[in-house]
Amino acid sequence: MVYKKVNLTGSSTESWEDAAMEAVERAETTLENVKWVEVQGRGIELANVDEPEYQTEVEVAFEIEDTGGMS
């Protein structure tokens, strides 16, 4: 099996957990075979927003389908 990883950043005005889930939910709508997610970092945006915005960076791993090209 081969996996590919992409980094995404979710945001929420509620919590870091909600921000992470926002990124995961988006990944699952655009990527197939999502296998796991690792939290890479967290932050809070304070400038240019009406209320603090929690941001969570996640690394999403998904399985690359075998095309049968290599033995």
Protein backbone atom coordinates (compact mmCIF):
# COMPACT_ATOMS: atom_id res chain seq x y z
CA MET A 1 0.00 0.00 0.00
CA VAL A 2 1.08 3.54 -0.70
CA TYR A 3 -0.18 6.60 1.14
CA LYS A 4 -0.08 10.28 0.28
CA LYS A 5 -0.26 13.07 2.85
CA VAL A 6 -1.60 16.60 2.48
CA ASN A 7 -1.61 19.47 4.98
CA LEU A 8 -4.85 21.32 5.67
CA THR A 9 -5.78 24.06 8.13
CA GLY A 10 -9.29 24.17 9.55
CA SER A 11 -10.75 27.13 11.41
CA SER A 12 -13.49 27.64 13.99
CA THR A 13 -14.66 30.31 16.40
CA GLU A 14 -15.47 27.57 18.94
CA SER A 15 -12.36 25.43 19.57
CA TRP A 16 -9.22 23.79 18.16
CA GLU A 17 -11.10 20.47 18.08
CA ASP A 18 -13.86 21.98 15.92
CA ALA A 19 -11.21 23.48 13.64
CA ALA A 20 -9.54 20.07 13.25
CA MET A 21 -12.87 18.39 12.49
CA GLU A 22 -13.65 21.07 9.89
CA ALA A 23 -10.42 20.14 8.08
CA VAL A 24 -11.14 16.41 8.39
CA GLU A 25 -14.70 16.74 7.12
CA ARG A 26 -13.50 18.76 4.13
CA ALA A 27 -10.79 16.20 3.39
CA GLU A 28 -13.33 13.38 3.44
CA THR A 29 -15.51 15.18 0.89
CA THR A 30 -12.67 15.69 -1.59
CA LEU A 31 -10.32 12.73 -0.99
CA GLU A 32 -11.01 9.02 -1.18
CA ASN A 33 -9.58 6.42 1.20
CA VAL A 34 -8.69 8.79 4.08
CA LYS A 35 -6.90 6.60 6.64
CA TRP A 36 -5.63 8.86 9.43
CA VAL A 37 -5.04 12.45 10.52
CA GLU A 38 -2.23 13.90 12.62
CA VAL A 39 -2.43 17.31 14.31
CA GLN A 40 0.61 19.35 13.30
CA GLY A 41 -0.09 22.65 15.03
CA ARG A 42 -2.61 25.02 16.55
CA GLY A 43 -3.00 28.77 16.63
CA ILE A 44 -5.48 31.58 17.19
CA GLU A 45 -5.99 34.36 14.68
CA LEU A 46 -6.62 37.67 16.42
CA ALA A 47 -6.06 40.27 13.68
CA ASN A 48 -8.72 41.15 11.12
CA VAL A 49 -11.46 39.05 12.78
CA ASP A 50 -14.46 40.02 14.92
CA GLU A 51 -13.74 37.28 17.45
CA PRO A 52 -10.74 34.98 17.97
CA GLU A 53 -10.53 32.21 15.37
CA TYR A 54 -9.03 28.88 16.35
CA GLN A 55 -6.92 27.25 13.65
CA THR A 56 -5.68 23.66 13.60
CA GLU A 57 -3.22 22.38 11.02
CA VAL A 58 -3.62 18.69 10.25
CA GLU A 59 -1.78 16.22 8.03
CA VAL A 60 -4.24 13.92 6.29
CA ALA A 61 -3.09 10.54 4.96
CA PHE A 62 -5.01 8.74 2.27
CA GLU A 63 -4.33 5.53 0.39
CA ILE A 64 -3.31 5.75 -3.26
CA GLU A 65 -5.18 3.17 -5.29
CA ASP A 66 -3.06 0.48 -6.92
CA THR A 67 -3.21 0.89 -10.70
CA GLY A 68 -1.38 -2.38 -11.30
CA GLY A 69 1.38 -0.69 -13.28
CA MET A 70 4.37 -1.95 -11.30
CA SER A 71 5.16 -5.44 -10.05
